Amino acid sequence: QLRELVSFITSGGTANYVDSVKGRFTISRDNA
């Protein structure tokens, strides 16, 4: 299968998800 985007988070902390994982996956970042 093709590689697909699952989730990304902007430098400002805004998260986005592919529909199939919404409500199940959470992306986060710890810049420190």
PDB file of all heavy atoms in Angstrom:
ATOM      1  N   GLN A   1       0.821  -1.196   0.000  1.00  0.00           N
ATOM      2  CA  GLN A   1       0.000   0.000   0.000  1.00  0.00           C
ATOM      3  C   GLN A   1       0.860   1.253   0.000  1.00  0.00           C
ATOM      4  O   GLN A   1       2.046   1.213   0.309  1.00  0.00           O
ATOM      5  CB  GLN A   1      -0.932   0.011   1.209  1.00  0.00           C
ATOM      6  CG  GLN A   1      -1.897  -1.160   1.264  1.00  0.00           C
ATOM      7  CD  GLN A   1      -2.888  -1.043   2.399  1.00  0.00           C
ATOM      8  OE1 GLN A   1      -3.067   0.021   2.980  1.00  0.00           O
ATOM      9  NE2 GLN A   1      -3.544  -2.150   2.710  1.00  0.00           N
ATOM     10  N   LEU A   2       0.240   2.355  -0.359  1.00  0.00           N
ATOM     11  CA  LEU A   2       0.924   3.631  -0.355  1.00  0.00           C
ATOM     12  C   LEU A   2       1.101   4.142   1.067  1.00  0.00           C
ATOM     13  O   LEU A   2       0.307   3.835   1.958  1.00  0.00           O
ATOM     14  CB  LEU A   2       0.143   4.663  -1.170  1.00  0.00           C
ATOM     15  CG  LEU A   2      -0.057   4.374  -2.656  1.00  0.00           C
ATOM     16  CD1 LEU A   2      -0.954   5.441  -3.268  1.00  0.00           C
ATOM     17  CD2 LEU A   2       1.280   4.317  -3.368  1.00  0.00           C
ATOM     18  N   ARG A   3       2.136   4.909   1.249  1.00  0.00           N
ATOM     19  CA  ARG A   3       2.329   5.552   2.535  1.00  0.00           C
ATOM     20  C   ARG A   3       1.298   6.662   2.705  1.00  0.00           C
ATOM     21  O   ARG A   3       1.086   7.470   1.804  1.00  0.00           O
ATOM     22  CB  ARG A   3       3.745   6.119   2.633  1.00  0.00           C
ATOM     23  CG  ARG A   3       4.113   6.639   4.008  1.00  0.00           C
ATOM     24  CD  ARG A   3       5.593   7.021   4.074  1.00  0.00           C
ATOM     25  NE  ARG A   3       6.463   5.885   3.816  1.00  0.00           N
ATOM     26  CZ  ARG A   3       7.795   5.922   3.921  1.00  0.00           C
ATOM     27  NH1 ARG A   3       8.396   7.045   4.284  1.00  0.00           N
ATOM     28  NH2 ARG A   3       8.506   4.837   3.645  1.00  0.00           N
ATOM     29  N   GLU A   4       0.645   6.691   3.842  1.00  0.00           N
ATOM     30  CA  GLU A   4      -0.381   7.679   4.082  1.00  0.00           C
ATOM     31  C   GLU A   4      -0.076   8.504   5.317  1.00  0.00           C
ATOM     32  O   GLU A   4       0.507   8.015   6.284  1.00  0.00           O
ATOM     33  CB  GLU A   4      -1.764   7.020   4.231  1.00  0.00           C
ATOM     34  CG  GLU A   4      -1.937   6.192   5.491  1.00  0.00           C
ATOM     35  CD  GLU A   4      -3.383   5.823   5.777  1.00  0.00           C
ATOM     36  OE1 GLU A   4      -4.297   6.471   5.229  1.00  0.00           O
ATOM     37  OE2 GLU A   4      -3.603   4.873   6.564  1.00  0.00           O
ATOM     38  N   LEU A   5      -0.505   9.730   5.264  1.00  0.00           N
ATOM     39  CA  LEU A   5      -0.388  10.599   6.423  1.00  0.00           C
ATOM     40  C   LEU A   5      -1.436  10.211   7.450  1.00  0.00           C
ATOM     41  O   LEU A   5      -2.623  10.126   7.141  1.00  0.00           O
ATOM     42  CB  LEU A   5      -0.569  12.058   6.012  1.00  0.00           C
ATOM     43  CG  LEU A   5      -0.585  13.093   7.137  1.00  0.00           C
ATOM     44  CD1 LEU A   5       0.760  13.149   7.845  1.00  0.00           C
ATOM     45  CD2 LEU A   5      -0.960  14.467   6.586  1.00  0.00           C
ATOM     46  N   VAL A   6      -0.997   9.991   8.671  1.00  0.00           N
ATOM     47  CA  VAL A   6      -1.886   9.638   9.761  1.00  0.00           C
ATOM     48  C   VAL A   6      -2.247  10.868  10.583  1.00  0.00           C
ATOM     49  O   VAL A   6      -3.417  11.104  10.901  1.00  0.00           O
ATOM     50  CB  VAL A   6      -1.255   8.567  10.670  1.00  0.00           C
ATOM     51  CG1 VAL A   6      -2.165   8.257  11.853  1.00  0.00           C
ATOM     52  CG2 VAL A   6      -0.961   7.306   9.872  1.00  0.00           C
ATOM     53  N   SER A   7      -1.236  11.630  10.928  1.00  0.00           N
ATOM     54  CA  SER A   7      -1.444  12.782  11.791  1.00  0.00           C
ATOM     55  C   SER A   7      -0.264  13.728  11.669  1.00  0.00           C
ATOM     56  O   SER A   7       0.857  13.298  11.395  1.00  0.00           O
ATOM     57  CB  SER A   7      -1.605  12.337  13.254  1.00  0.00           C
ATOM     58  OG  SER A   7      -1.764  13.445  14.118  1.00  0.00           O
ATOM     59  N   PHE A   8      -0.523  15.009  11.885  1.00  0.00           N
ATOM     60  CA  PHE A   8       0.574  15.943  12.016  1.00  0.00           C
ATOM     61  C   PHE A   8       0.196  17.035  12.999  1.00  0.00           C
ATOM     62  O   PHE A   8      -0.988  17.290  13.250  1.00  0.00           O
ATOM     63  CB  PHE A   8       1.007  16.535  10.666  1.00  0.00           C
ATOM     64  CG  PHE A   8       0.045  17.519  10.050  1.00  0.00           C
ATOM     65  CD1 PHE A   8       0.195  18.884  10.270  1.00  0.00           C
ATOM     66  CD2 PHE A   8      -0.981  17.094   9.222  1.00  0.00           C
ATOM     67  CE1 PHE A   8      -0.674  19.796   9.685  1.00  0.00           C
ATOM     68  CE2 PHE A   8      -1.855  17.996   8.638  1.00  0.00           C
ATOM     69  CZ  PHE A   8      -1.696  19.348   8.870  1.00  0.00           C
ATOM     70  N   ILE A   9       1.220  17.651  13.543  1.00  0.00           N
ATOM     71  CA  ILE A   9       1.038  18.710  14.518  1.00  0.00           C
ATOM     72  C   ILE A   9       1.924  19.881  14.119  1.00  0.00           C
ATOM     73  O   ILE A   9       3.102  19.711  13.810  1.00  0.00           O
ATOM     74  CB  ILE A   9       1.341  18.209  15.951  1.00  0.00           C
ATOM     75  CG1 ILE A   9       1.064  19.303  16.986  1.00  0.00           C
ATOM     76  CG2 ILE A   9       2.764  17.681  16.064  1.00  0.00           C
ATOM     77  CD1 ILE A   9       1.057  18.765  18.421  1.00  0.00           C
ATOM     78  N   THR A  10       1.354  21.056  14.108  1.00  0.00           N
ATOM     79  CA  THR A  10       2.089  22.237  13.700  1.00  0.00           C
ATOM     80  C   THR A  10       2.994  22.721  14.816  1.00  0.00           C
ATOM     81  O   THR A  10       2.924  22.262  15.956  1.00  0.00           O
ATOM     82  CB  THR A  10       1.130  23.361  13.294  1.00  0.00           C
ATOM     83  OG1 THR A  10       0.445  23.843  14.459  1.00  0.00           O
ATOM     84  CG2 THR A  10       0.117  22.878  12.267  1.00  0.00           C
ATOM     85  N   SER A  11       3.840  23.671  14.477  1.00  0.00           N
ATOM     86  CA  SER A  11       4.712  24.249  15.485  1.00  0.00           C
ATOM     87  C   SER A  11       3.919  24.931  16.590  1.00  0.00           C
ATOM     88  O   SER A  11       4.397  25.043  17.720  1.00  0.00           O
ATOM     89  CB  SER A  11       5.682  25.244  14.846  1.00  0.00           C
ATOM     90  OG  SER A  11       4.978  26.305  14.219  1.00  0.00           O
ATOM     91  N   GLY A  12       2.717  25.374  16.268  1.00  0.00           N
ATOM     92  CA  GLY A  12       1.856  25.991  17.256  1.00  0.00           C
ATOM     93  C   GLY A  12       1.027  25.017  18.063  1.00  0.00           C
ATOM     94  O   GLY A  12       0.277  25.445  18.951  1.00  0.00           O
ATOM     95  N   GLY A  13       1.133  23.725  17.762  1.00  0.00           N
ATOM     96  CA  GLY A  13       0.446  22.714  18.535  1.00  0.00           C
ATOM     97  C   GLY A  13      -0.903  22.297  17.997  1.00  0.00           C
ATOM     98  O   GLY A  13      -1.634  21.556  18.669  1.00  0.00           O
ATOM     99  N   THR A  14      -1.260  22.727  16.807  1.00  0.00           N
ATOM    100  CA  THR A  14      -2.521  22.319  16.206  1.00  0.00           C
ATOM    101  C   THR A  14      -2.385  20.933  15.587  1.00  0.00           C
ATOM    102  O   THR A  14      -1.507  20.705  14.758  1.00  0.00           O
ATOM    103  CB  THR A  14      -2.967  23.324  15.144  1.00  0.00           C
ATOM    104  OG1 THR A  14      -3.126  24.612  15.742  1.00  0.00           O
ATOM    105  CG2 THR A  14      -4.292  22.900  14.527  1.00  0.00           C
ATOM    106  N   ALA A  15      -3.260  20.032  15.974  1.00  0.00           N
ATOM    107  CA  ALA A  15      -3.189  18.647  15.534  1.00  0.00           C
ATOM    108  C   ALA A  15      -4.211  18.356  14.446  1.00  0.00           C
ATOM    109  O   ALA A  15      -5.315  18.907  14.445  1.00  0.00           O
ATOM    110  CB  ALA A  15      -3.411  17.702  16.714  1.00  0.00           C
ATOM    111  N   ASN A  16      -3.835  17.479  13.540  1.00  0.00           N
ATOM    112  CA  ASN A  16      -4.706  17.037  12.453  1.00  0.00           C
ATOM    113  C   ASN A  16      -4.586  15.532  12.309  1.00  0.00           C
ATOM    114  O   ASN A  16      -3.529  14.961  12.540  1.00  0.00           O
ATOM    115  CB  ASN A  16      -4.322  17.715  11.144  1.00  0.00           C
ATOM    116  CG  ASN A  16      -4.470  19.221  11.180  1.00  0.00           C
ATOM    117  OD1 ASN A  16      -5.512  19.765  10.850  1.00  0.00           O
ATOM    118  ND2 ASN A  16      -3.420  19.909  11.617  1.00  0.00           N
ATOM    119  N   TYR A  17      -5.690  14.889  11.892  1.00  0.00           N
ATOM    120  CA  TYR A  17      -5.737  13.441  11.802  1.00  0.00           C
ATOM    121  C   TYR A  17      -6.481  12.996  10.555  1.00  0.00           C
ATOM    122  O   TYR A  17      -7.435  13.646  10.116  1.00  0.00           O
ATOM    123  CB  TYR A  17      -6.441  12.828  13.010  1.00  0.00           C
ATOM    124  CG  TYR A  17      -5.857  13.229  14.335  1.00  0.00           C
ATOM    125  CD1 TYR A  17      -6.329  14.343  15.019  1.00  0.00           C
ATOM    126  CD2 TYR A  17      -4.827  12.489  14.904  1.00  0.00           C
ATOM    127  CE1 TYR A  17      -5.794  14.713  16.235  1.00  0.00           C
ATOM    128  CE2 TYR A  17      -4.282  12.848  16.120  1.00  0.00           C
ATOM    129  CZ  TYR A  17      -4.770  13.966  16.786  1.00  0.00           C
ATOM    130  OH  TYR A  17      -4.231  14.329  17.998  1.00  0.00           O
ATOM    131  N   VAL A  18      -6.052  11.874  10.019  1.00  0.00           N
ATOM    132  CA  VAL A  18      -6.829  11.242   8.976  1.00  0.00           C
ATOM    133  C   VAL A  18      -8.123  10.717   9.607  1.00  0.00           C
ATOM    134  O   VAL A  18      -8.164  10.378  10.795  1.00  0.00           O
ATOM    135  CB  VAL A  18      -6.025  10.109   8.311  1.00  0.00           C
ATOM    136  CG1 VAL A  18      -5.809   8.953   9.264  1.00  0.00           C
ATOM    137  CG2 VAL A  18      -6.684   9.660   7.022  1.00  0.00           C
ATOM    138  N   ASP A  19      -9.193  10.686   8.821  1.00  0.00           N
ATOM    139  CA  ASP A  19     -10.502  10.346   9.371  1.00  0.00           C
ATOM    140  C   ASP A  19     -10.517   9.000  10.088  1.00  0.00           C
ATOM    141  O   ASP A  19     -11.208   8.838  11.096  1.00  0.00           O
ATOM    142  CB  ASP A  19     -11.556  10.344   8.266  1.00  0.00           C
ATOM    143  CG  ASP A  19     -11.919  11.736   7.798  1.00  0.00           C
ATOM    144  OD1 ASP A  19     -11.590  12.711   8.496  1.00  0.00           O
ATOM    145  OD2 ASP A  19     -12.547  11.846   6.726  1.00  0.00           O
ATOM    146  N   SER A  20      -9.770   8.049   9.587  1.00  0.00           N
ATOM    147  CA  SER A  20      -9.834   6.702  10.122  1.00  0.00           C
ATOM    148  C   SER A  20      -9.285   6.573  11.537  1.00  0.00           C
ATOM    149  O   SER A  20      -9.554   5.575  12.211  1.00  0.00           O
ATOM    150  CB  SER A  20      -9.094   5.727   9.200  1.00  0.00           C
ATOM    151  OG  SER A  20      -7.730   6.071   9.080  1.00  0.00           O
ATOM    152  N   VAL A  21      -8.527   7.550  12.007  1.00  0.00           N
ATOM    153  CA  VAL A  21      -7.949   7.465  13.345  1.00  0.00           C
ATOM    154  C   VAL A  21      -8.487   8.522  14.293  1.00  0.00           C
ATOM    155  O   VAL A  21      -8.116   8.531  15.470  1.00  0.00           O
ATOM    156  CB  VAL A  21      -6.410   7.549  13.312  1.00  0.00           C
ATOM    157  CG1 VAL A  21      -5.838   6.542  12.323  1.00  0.00           C
ATOM    158  CG2 VAL A  21      -5.939   8.962  12.986  1.00  0.00           C
ATOM    159  N   LYS A  22      -9.358   9.373  13.817  1.00  0.00           N
ATOM    160  CA  LYS A  22      -9.907  10.414  14.676  1.00  0.00           C
ATOM    161  C   LYS A  22     -10.638   9.804  15.865  1.00  0.00           C
ATOM    162  O   LYS A  22     -11.424   8.880  15.724  1.00  0.00           O
ATOM    163  CB  LYS A  22     -10.855  11.318  13.886  1.00  0.00           C
ATOM    164  CG  LYS A  22     -10.152  12.239  12.913  1.00  0.00           C
ATOM    165  CD  LYS A  22     -11.143  13.132  12.175  1.00  0.00           C
ATOM    166  CE  LYS A  22     -10.431  14.079  11.234  1.00  0.00           C
ATOM    167  NZ  LYS A  22     -11.382  14.919  10.462  1.00  0.00           N
ATOM    168  N   GLY A  23     -10.358  10.345  17.025  1.00  0.00           N
ATOM    169  CA  GLY A  23     -10.954   9.840  18.242  1.00  0.00           C
ATOM    170  C   GLY A  23     -10.198   8.701  18.874  1.00  0.00           C
ATOM    171  O   GLY A  23     -10.496   8.327  20.015  1.00  0.00           O
ATOM    172  N   ARG A  24      -9.232   8.122  18.163  1.00  0.00           N
ATOM    173  CA  ARG A  24      -8.459   7.007  18.681  1.00  0.00           C
ATOM    174  C   ARG A  24      -6.986   7.345  18.886  1.00  0.00           C
ATOM    175  O   ARG A  24      -6.361   6.825  19.803  1.00  0.00           O
ATOM    176  CB  ARG A  24      -8.567   5.800  17.750  1.00  0.00           C
ATOM    177  CG  ARG A  24      -9.988   5.300  17.548  1.00  0.00           C
ATOM    178  CD  ARG A  24     -10.017   3.989  16.785  1.00  0.00           C
ATOM    179  NE  ARG A  24      -9.486   4.129  15.427  1.00  0.00           N
ATOM    180  CZ  ARG A  24      -8.402   3.497  14.968  1.00  0.00           C
ATOM    181  NH1 ARG A  24      -7.728   2.678  15.765  1.00  0.00           N
ATOM    182  NH2 ARG A  24      -8.001   3.666  13.720  1.00  0.00           N
ATOM    183  N   PHE A  25      -6.439   8.176  18.013  1.00  0.00           N
ATOM    184  CA  PHE A  25      -5.029   8.544  18.080  1.00  0.00           C
ATOM    185  C   PHE A  25      -4.887   9.981  18.546  1.00  0.00           C
ATOM    186  O   PHE A  25      -5.727  10.836  18.240  1.00  0.00           O
ATOM    187  CB  PHE A  25      -4.358   8.416  16.709  1.00  0.00           C
ATOM    188  CG  PHE A  25      -4.195   7.013  16.203  1.00  0.00           C
ATOM    189  CD1 PHE A  25      -4.799   5.932  16.820  1.00  0.00           C
ATOM    190  CD2 PHE A  25      -3.416   6.784  15.069  1.00  0.00           C
ATOM    191  CE1 PHE A  25      -4.645   4.643  16.334  1.00  0.00           C
ATOM    192  CE2 PHE A  25      -3.257   5.501  14.579  1.00  0.00           C
ATOM    193  CZ  PHE A  25      -3.861   4.434  15.207  1.00  0.00           C
ATOM    194  N   THR A  26      -3.802  10.248  19.251  1.00  0.00           N
ATOM    195  CA  THR A  26      -3.492  11.596  19.694  1.00  0.00           C
ATOM    196  C   THR A  26      -2.018  11.881  19.444  1.00  0.00           C
ATOM    197  O   THR A  26      -1.152  11.136  19.905  1.00  0.00           O
ATOM    198  CB  THR A  26      -3.803  11.791  21.184  1.00  0.00           C
ATOM    199  OG1 THR A  26      -5.192  11.522  21.434  1.00  0.00           O
ATOM    200  CG2 THR A  26      -3.498  13.223  21.602  1.00  0.00           C
ATOM    201  N   ILE A  27      -1.751  12.945  18.726  1.00  0.00           N
ATOM    202  CA  ILE A  27      -0.383  13.368  18.495  1.00  0.00           C
ATOM    203  C   ILE A  27      -0.049  14.491  19.470  1.00  0.00           C
ATOM    204  O   ILE A  27      -0.898  15.321  19.796  1.00  0.00           O
ATOM    205  CB  ILE A  27      -0.167  13.814  17.034  1.00  0.00           C
ATOM    206  CG1 ILE A  27       1.315  14.023  16.733  1.00  0.00           C
ATOM    207  CG2 ILE A  27      -0.968  15.073  16.719  1.00  0.00           C
ATOM    208  CD1 ILE A  27       1.613  14.241  15.250  1.00  0.00           C
ATOM    209  N   SER A  28       1.170  14.501  19.939  1.00  0.00           N
ATOM    210  CA  SER A  28       1.613  15.542  20.845  1.00  0.00           C
ATOM    211  C   SER A  28       3.103  15.769  20.656  1.00  0.00           C
ATOM    212  O   SER A  28       3.797  14.953  20.047  1.00  0.00           O
ATOM    213  CB  SER A  28       1.302  15.185  22.303  1.00  0.00           C
ATOM    214  OG  SER A  28       1.984  14.006  22.691  1.00  0.00           O
ATOM    215  N   ARG A  29       3.569  16.880  21.172  1.00  0.00           N
ATOM    216  CA  ARG A  29       4.987  17.169  21.067  1.00  0.00           C
ATOM    217  C   ARG A  29       5.497  17.759  22.370  1.00  0.00           C
ATOM    218  O   ARG A  29       4.782  18.484  23.070  1.00  0.00           O
ATOM    219  CB  ARG A  29       5.270  18.115  19.891  1.00  0.00           C
ATOM    220  CG  ARG A  29       4.635  19.500  20.001  1.00  0.00           C
ATOM    221  CD  ARG A  29       4.694  20.246  18.658  1.00  0.00           C
ATOM    222  NE  ARG A  29       6.055  20.412  18.190  1.00  0.00           N
ATOM    223  CZ  ARG A  29       6.389  20.650  16.922  1.00  0.00           C
ATOM    224  NH1 ARG A  29       5.437  20.741  15.986  1.00  0.00           N
ATOM    225  NH2 ARG A  29       7.659  20.788  16.584  1.00  0.00           N
ATOM    226  N   ASP A  30       6.730  17.434  22.678  1.00  0.00           N
ATOM    227  CA  ASP A  30       7.421  17.973  23.834  1.00  0.00           C
ATOM    228  C   ASP A  30       8.697  18.598  23.300  1.00  0.00           C
ATOM    229  O   ASP A  30       9.706  17.923  23.104  1.00  0.00           O
ATOM    230  CB  ASP A  30       7.715  16.882  24.859  1.00  0.00           C
ATOM    231  CG  ASP A  30       8.295  17.431  26.148  1.00  0.00           C
ATOM    232  OD1 ASP A  30       8.819  18.564  26.145  1.00  0.00           O
ATOM    233  OD2 ASP A  30       8.230  16.729  27.174  1.00  0.00           O
ATOM    234  N   ASN A  31       8.638  19.884  23.058  1.00  0.00           N
ATOM    235  CA  ASN A  31       9.781  20.558  22.443  1.00  0.00           C
ATOM    236  C   ASN A  31      11.004  20.562  23.350  1.00  0.00           C
ATOM    237  O   ASN A  31      12.136  20.561  22.861  1.00  0.00           O
ATOM    238  CB  ASN A  31       9.401  21.984  22.057  1.00  0.00           C
ATOM    239  CG  ASN A  31       8.434  22.035  20.896  1.00  0.00           C
ATOM    240  OD1 ASN A  31       8.398  21.130  20.053  1.00  0.00           O
ATOM    241  ND2 ASN A  31       7.641  23.098  20.830  1.00  0.00           N
ATOM    242  N   ALA A  32      10.787  20.571  24.653  1.00  0.00           N
ATOM    243  CA  ALA A  32      11.911  20.531  25.578  1.00  0.00           C
ATOM    244  C   ALA A  32      12.703  19.243  25.434  1.00  0.00           C
ATOM    245  O   ALA A  32      13.916  19.225  25.646  1.00  0.00           O
ATOM    246  CB  ALA A  32      11.429  20.706  27.013  1.00  0.00           C
TER     247      ALA A  32
END
